[in-house]
Protein backbone atom coordinates (compact mmCIF):
# COMPACT_ATOMS: atom_id res chain seq x y z
CA MET A 1 -4.68 6.61 -0.15
CA PHE A 2 -1.35 8.33 -0.82
CA LEU A 3 0.64 5.27 0.21
CA ARG A 4 -0.85 3.24 -2.62
CA GLU A 5 0.50 5.75 -5.13
CA LEU A 6 3.94 6.02 -3.54
CA CYS A 7 4.36 2.37 -2.58
CA PRO A 8 1.75 0.13 -4.23
CA GLU A 9 3.61 -2.95 -3.02
CA LEU A 10 3.69 -1.72 0.56
CA SER A 11 0.05 -0.73 0.38
CA ALA A 12 -0.88 -4.27 -0.65
CA GLU A 13 0.84 -5.63 2.45
CA LEU A 14 -0.97 -3.18 4.71
CA GLU A 15 -4.30 -4.13 3.17
CA GLN A 16 -3.63 -7.82 3.80
CA THR A 17 -2.73 -7.30 7.46
């Protein structure tokens, strides 16, 4: 996922939700 590379912190939140 590109988002994990650009925003690892944001990606973690999306995975939790």
